[in-house]
C-alpha atoms as a PDB file:
ATOM      1  CA  MET A   1     179.606  50.527 147.419  1.00  0.00           C
ATOM      2  CA  LYS A   2     179.432  53.368 149.521  1.00  0.00           C
ATOM      3  CA  GLY A   3     178.957  55.704 146.367  1.00  0.00           C
ATOM      4  CA  MET A   4     176.495  53.841 144.926  1.00  0.00           C
ATOM      5  CA  LYS A   5     174.214  54.080 148.014  1.00  0.00           C
ATOM      6  CA  SER A   6     174.461  57.616 148.381  1.00  0.00           C
ATOM      7  CA  THR A   7     173.582  57.935 144.722  1.00  0.00           C
ATOM      8  CA  MET A   8     170.558  55.611 145.206  1.00  0.00           C
ATOM      9  CA  MET A   9     169.302  57.521 148.241  1.00  0.00           C
ATOM     10  CA  ALA A  10     169.839  60.893 146.187  1.00  0.00           C
ATOM     11  CA  ALA A  11     167.432  59.243 143.171  1.00  0.00           C
ATOM     12  CA  ALA A  12     164.785  58.067 146.142  1.00  0.00           C
ATOM     13  CA  ALA A  13     164.731  61.464 147.458  1.00  0.00           C
ATOM     14  CA  ALA A  14     164.245  62.850 143.906  1.00  0.00           C
ATOM     15  CA  LEU A  15     161.438  60.607 143.582  1.00  0.00           C
ATOM     16  CA  LEU A  16     159.909  61.810 146.569  1.00  0.00           C
ATOM     17  CA  LEU A  17     160.192  65.374 145.840  1.00  0.00           C
ATOM     18  CA  GLY A  18     158.169  64.551 142.547  1.00  0.00           C
ATOM     19  CA  LEU A  19     155.640  62.396 143.978  1.00  0.00           C
ATOM     20  CA  GLY A  20     155.046  64.773 147.078  1.00  0.00           C
ATOM     21  CA  SER A  21     153.973  67.728 144.600  1.00  0.00           C
ATOM     22  CA  THR A  22     150.327  68.215 144.276  1.00  0.00           C
ATOM     23  CA  ALA A  23     148.406  65.548 142.247  1.00  0.00           C
ATOM     24  CA  HIS A  24     146.666  66.824 139.025  1.00  0.00           C
ATOM     25  CA  ALA A  25     144.081  65.209 136.928  1.00  0.00           C
ATOM     26  CA  ILE A  26     145.176  64.882 133.246  1.00  0.00           C
ATOM     27  CA  ASP A  27     144.622  67.435 130.714  1.00  0.00           C
ATOM     28  CA  ILE A  28     141.730  67.390 127.864  1.00  0.00           C
ATOM     29  CA  THR A  29     143.285  66.301 124.453  1.00  0.00           C
ATOM     30  CA  GLY A  30     142.287  66.368 121.262  1.00  0.00           C
ATOM     31  CA  ASP A  31     140.420  68.579 118.814  1.00  0.00           C
ATOM     32  CA  ILE A  32     136.900  69.665 118.255  1.00  0.00           C
ATOM     33  CA  THR A  33     135.042  71.751 115.320  1.00  0.00           C
ATOM     34  CA  PHE A  34     131.707  72.899 115.246  1.00  0.00           C
ATOM     35  CA  GLY A  35     129.645  74.505 112.148  1.00  0.00           C
ATOM     36  CA  GLY A  36     126.868  76.549 112.308  1.00  0.00           C
ATOM     37  CA  THR A  37     125.466  80.087 111.083  1.00  0.00           C
ATOM     38  CA  LEU A  38     125.341  83.553 112.590  1.00  0.00           C
ATOM     39  CA  ASN A  39     122.488  85.895 113.034  1.00  0.00           C
ATOM     40  CA  SER A  40     121.264  86.709 109.175  1.00  0.00           C
ATOM     41  CA  SER A  41     121.471  90.483 109.965  1.00  0.00           C
ATOM     42  CA  MET A  42     125.215  90.826 110.523  1.00  0.00           C
ATOM     43  CA  ASN A  43     127.620  92.625 108.354  1.00  0.00           C
ATOM     44  CA  LEU A  44     130.862  91.043 108.419  1.00  0.00           C
ATOM     45  CA  ALA A  45     132.740  93.994 106.921  1.00  0.00           C
ATOM     46  CA  THR A  46     131.785  95.866 110.156  1.00  0.00           C
ATOM     47  CA  ALA A  47     131.390  93.898 112.520  1.00  0.00           C
ATOM     48  CA  VAL A  48     132.676  94.089 116.361  1.00  0.00           C
ATOM     49  CA  ALA A  49     130.879  91.374 117.921  1.00  0.00           C
ATOM     50  CA  ILE A  50     129.756  87.750 116.784  1.00  0.00           C
ATOM     51  CA  ASP A  51     125.941  87.165 116.807  1.00  0.00           C
ATOM     52  CA  PHE A  52     125.280  83.144 116.948  1.00  0.00           C
ATOM     53  CA  ASP A  53     122.157  81.140 115.881  1.00  0.00           C
ATOM     54  CA  ASN A  54     122.084  78.203 118.134  1.00  0.00           C
ATOM     55  CA  PRO A  55     122.005  75.212 118.063  1.00  0.00           C
ATOM     56  CA  THR A  56     125.624  74.738 116.441  1.00  0.00           C
ATOM     57  CA  LEU A  57     126.724  71.227 115.375  1.00  0.00           C
ATOM     58  CA  VAL A  58     129.826  68.838 116.109  1.00  0.00           C
ATOM     59  CA  THR A  59     131.309  68.357 112.784  1.00  0.00           C
ATOM     60  CA  PHE A  60     134.675  66.622 114.471  1.00  0.00           C
ATOM     61  CA  SER A  61     136.000  65.524 117.202  1.00  0.00           C
ATOM     62  CA  ASP A  62     138.702  63.131 119.024  1.00  0.00           C
ATOM     63  CA  GLY A  63     140.673  62.404 122.153  1.00  0.00           C
ATOM     64  CA  THR A  64     138.881  63.086 125.190  1.00  0.00           C
ATOM     65  CA  PHE A  65     135.808  64.784 123.728  1.00  0.00           C
ATOM     66  CA  ALA A  66     134.939  61.784 121.943  1.00  0.00           C
ATOM     67  CA  ALA A  67     136.000  59.599 124.868  1.00  0.00           C
ATOM     68  CA  GLU A  68     133.453  61.946 126.963  1.00  0.00           C
ATOM     69  CA  GLY A  69     130.913  61.113 124.079  1.00  0.00           C
ATOM     70  CA  LEU A  70     130.942  64.586 122.681  1.00  0.00           C
ATOM     71  CA  VAL A  71     130.662  63.238 118.697  1.00  0.00           C
ATOM     72  CA  LEU A  72     129.366  64.028 114.972  1.00  0.00           C
ATOM     73  CA  GLY A  73     126.006  65.775 115.063  1.00  0.00           C
ATOM     74  CA  ASP A  74     126.058  66.625 118.937  1.00  0.00           C
ATOM     75  CA  THR A  75     124.875  70.365 119.689  1.00  0.00           C
ATOM     76  CA  ALA A  76     126.468  73.134 121.672  1.00  0.00           C
ATOM     77  CA  THR A  77     125.150  76.429 122.574  1.00  0.00           C
ATOM     78  CA  PHE A  78     127.486  79.625 121.790  1.00  0.00           C
ATOM     79  CA  ASN A  79     127.247  82.828 123.611  1.00  0.00           C
ATOM     80  CA  ASP A  80     127.536  85.920 121.419  1.00  0.00           C
ATOM     81  CA  PHE A  81     130.646  88.122 122.208  1.00  0.00           C
ATOM     82  CA  ALA A  82     132.378  91.465 121.740  1.00  0.00           C
ATOM     83  CA  PHE A  83     135.762  91.312 120.443  1.00  0.00           C
ATOM     84  CA  ALA A  84     136.985  93.686 122.865  1.00  0.00           C
ATOM     85  CA  ALA A  85     134.807  92.496 126.002  1.00  0.00           C
ATOM     86  CA  LEU A  86     137.146  89.541 127.294  1.00  0.00           C
ATOM     87  CA  PRO A  87     136.964  87.289 129.058  1.00  0.00           C
ATOM     88  CA  VAL A  88     133.598  85.227 127.656  1.00  0.00           C
ATOM     89  CA  ALA A  89     133.125  82.248 129.957  1.00  0.00           C
ATOM     90  CA  PRO A  90     131.752  80.100 128.414  1.00  0.00           C
ATOM     91  CA  LEU A  91     131.796  81.022 124.769  1.00  0.00           C
ATOM     92  CA  TRP A  92     130.454  77.523 124.388  1.00  0.00           C
ATOM     93  CA  SER A  93     129.098  74.652 126.213  1.00  0.00           C
ATOM     94  CA  ALA A  94     128.293  71.182 125.142  1.00  0.00           C
ATOM     95  CA  ASP A  95     127.983  67.672 126.889  1.00  0.00           C
ATOM     96  CA  GLY A  96     130.007  69.129 130.396  1.00  0.00           C
ATOM     97  CA  PHE A  97     132.360  70.636 128.291  1.00  0.00           C
ATOM     98  CA  THR A  98     132.975  74.516 128.252  1.00  0.00           C
ATOM     99  CA  PHE A  99     134.915  76.889 126.605  1.00  0.00           C
ATOM    100  CA  GLU A 100     136.497  80.251 128.068  1.00  0.00           C
ATOM    101  CA  LEU A 101     137.355  82.842 125.439  1.00  0.00           C
ATOM    102  CA  LYS A 102     140.604  84.499 126.738  1.00  0.00           C
ATOM    103  CA  SER A 103     141.956  86.379 123.529  1.00  0.00           C
ATOM    104  CA  VAL A 104     140.915  87.372 119.922  1.00  0.00           C
ATOM    105  CA  SER A 105     143.001  88.494 116.856  1.00  0.00           C
ATOM    106  CA  VAL A 106     141.097  89.732 113.725  1.00  0.00           C
ATOM    107  CA  LEU A 107     143.335  88.268 110.834  1.00  0.00           C
ATOM    108  CA  HIS A 108     140.459  88.856 108.061  1.00  0.00           C
ATOM    109  CA  GLN A 109     137.708  90.588 107.612  1.00  0.00           C
ATOM    110  CA  ASP A 110     135.630  92.378 104.577  1.00  0.00           C
ATOM    111  CA  ALA A 111     132.012  91.981 103.358  1.00  0.00           C
ATOM    112  CA  LEU A 112     133.041  88.277 102.004  1.00  0.00           C
ATOM    113  CA  SER A 113     134.256  86.746 105.087  1.00  0.00           C
ATOM    114  CA  MET A 114     136.075  86.913 108.678  1.00  0.00           C
ATOM    115  CA  GLU A 115     138.547  84.836 110.313  1.00  0.00           C
ATOM    116  CA  LEU A 116     139.665  85.285 113.567  1.00  0.00           C
ATOM    117  CA  ARG A 117     141.808  83.452 116.084  1.00  0.00           C
ATOM    118  CA  GLY A 118     142.982  83.364 119.787  1.00  0.00           C
ATOM    119  CA  ALA A 119     143.421  81.431 122.819  1.00  0.00           C
ATOM    120  CA  GLY A 120     141.341  79.829 125.560  1.00  0.00           C
ATOM    121  CA  ILE A 121     140.782  77.317 128.374  1.00  0.00           C
ATOM    122  CA  MET A 122     138.691  74.108 127.636  1.00  0.00           C
ATOM    123  CA  ARG A 123     137.085  72.576 131.218  1.00  0.00           C
ATOM    124  CA  HIS A 124     135.476  69.170 131.770  1.00  0.00           C
ATOM    125  CA  ALA A 125     135.098  67.889 135.238  1.00  0.00           C
ATOM    126  CA  GLY A 126     137.428  65.522 136.185  1.00  0.00           C
ATOM    127  CA  TYR A 127     140.303  67.108 133.795  1.00  0.00           C
ATOM    128  CA  ASP A 128     142.437  69.986 134.159  1.00  0.00           C
ATOM    129  CA  ASP A 129     141.791  73.474 132.972  1.00  0.00           C
ATOM    130  CA  THR A 130     143.522  72.988 129.559  1.00  0.00           C
ATOM    131  CA  ASP A 131     145.056  75.695 127.474  1.00  0.00           C
ATOM    132  CA  TYR A 132     143.556  75.542 123.853  1.00  0.00           C
ATOM    133  CA  ALA A 133     144.199  77.625 120.612  1.00  0.00           C
ATOM    134  CA  TRP A 134     140.734  78.475 118.625  1.00  0.00           C
ATOM    135  CA  SER A 135     139.993  79.690 115.252  1.00  0.00           C
ATOM    136  CA  PHE A 136     137.029  80.692 113.802  1.00  0.00           C
ATOM    137  CA  SER A 137     135.753  81.548 110.103  1.00  0.00           C
ATOM    138  CA  ALA A 138     132.489  83.032 108.608  1.00  0.00           C
ATOM    139  CA  ASP A 139     131.584  83.722 105.068  1.00  0.00           C
ATOM    140  CA  LYS A 140     128.791  85.891 103.321  1.00  0.00           C
ATOM    141  CA  THR A 141     126.219  83.275 103.651  1.00  0.00           C
ATOM    142  CA  ASN A 142     126.977  83.751 107.695  1.00  0.00           C
ATOM    143  CA  LYS A 143     128.043  80.043 107.737  1.00  0.00           C
ATOM    144  CA  ILE A 144     130.772  79.500 110.331  1.00  0.00           C
ATOM    145  CA  ALA A 145     133.355  76.844 111.402  1.00  0.00           C
ATOM    146  CA  PHE A 146     134.915  77.102 115.015  1.00  0.00           C
ATOM    147  CA  SER A 147     137.727  75.023 115.948  1.00  0.00           C
ATOM    148  CA  ALA A 148     139.755  74.564 119.087  1.00  0.00           C
ATOM    149  CA  THR A 149     143.386  72.795 119.543  1.00  0.00           C
ATOM    150  CA  ASN A 150     144.998  71.566 122.263  1.00  0.00           C
ATOM    151  CA  ALA A 151     147.686  73.889 123.278  1.00  0.00           C
ATOM    152  CA  SER A 152     149.047  72.598 126.180  1.00  0.00           C
ATOM    153  CA  VAL A 153     152.942  71.771 127.213  1.00  0.00           C
ATOM    154  CA  PRO A 154     154.478  69.020 129.288  1.00  0.00           C
ATOM    155  CA  GLU A 155     153.980  69.679 132.961  1.00  0.00           C
ATOM    156  CA  PRO A 156     157.280  70.955 134.492  1.00  0.00           C
ATOM    157  CA  MET A 157     157.466  68.504 137.840  1.00  0.00           C
ATOM    158  CA  SER A 158     157.282  65.390 135.288  1.00  0.00           C
ATOM    159  CA  LEU A 159     160.134  66.749 133.327  1.00  0.00           C
ATOM    160  CA  LEU A 160     162.022  67.533 136.455  1.00  0.00           C
ATOM    161  CA  LEU A 161     161.405  63.844 137.786  1.00  0.00           C
ATOM    162  CA  LEU A 162     162.559  62.356 134.371  1.00  0.00           C
ATOM    163  CA  GLY A 163     165.540  64.496 134.533  1.00  0.00           C
ATOM    164  CA  SER A 164     166.420  63.626 137.829  1.00  0.00           C
ATOM    165  CA  GLY A 165     166.107  59.967 136.871  1.00  0.00           C
ATOM    166  CA  LEU A 166     168.227  60.112 134.145  1.00  0.00           C
ATOM    167  CA  VAL A 167     170.982  61.882 136.027  1.00  0.00           C
ATOM    168  CA  GLY A 168     171.149  59.314 138.801  1.00  0.00           C
ATOM    169  CA  LEU A 169     171.226  56.658 136.403  1.00  0.00           C
ATOM    170  CA  GLY A 170     174.388  58.447 134.609  1.00  0.00           C
ATOM    171  CA  ILE A 171     175.975  58.859 137.995  1.00  0.00           C
ATOM    172  CA  ALA A 172     175.316  55.139 138.870  1.00  0.00           C
ATOM    173  CA  ARG A 173     176.874  53.720 135.716  1.00  0.00           C
ATOM    174  CA  ARG A 174     179.909  55.967 135.902  1.00  0.00           C
ATOM    175  CA  LYS A 175     180.480  54.704 139.339  1.00  0.00           C
ATOM    176  CA  LEU A 176     180.033  50.949 138.451  1.00  0.00           C
ATOM    177  CA  ALA A 177     182.129  51.336 135.169  1.00  0.00           C
ATOM    178  CA  ARG A 178     185.018  52.711 137.651  1.00  0.00           C
ATOM    179  CA  GLY A 179     184.039  50.118 140.554  1.00  0.00           C
END
């Protein structure tokens, strides 16, 4: 019984350690997609920057975006950016959300189309800054599509707390079986 008491004390200490860490809001979840146009004078084959025509429209949203009211047909304001001038904060803003562009990779570029990808940070009051992957495409008619997808991983303290609890339960079960 004495061993069980010390196991329970260790589990309680691990729980308190986990609860004593800094409290966080929750990550932004879901995906968002925009459609719009580029400045008609842009040459996709030689572009080293993107010159947006605003406004740009939401074409899809789910998760936190939809829950916060950013839905199909809402507008976003995009800021022009040069591929080499990073970060861009914000790249776009809409209904309290902002997206900071952190990296850009050119996957394809010619006179007919362009495809870019990278990483950034999504922000909204009441939520943690959340890592997002993004993609951008444009065609020769200067139509664009921009999408952002949540790229977050589980928070380490939650995993530590879960793991500590599982270890404690395993030890307690083993001691009861011997007991």
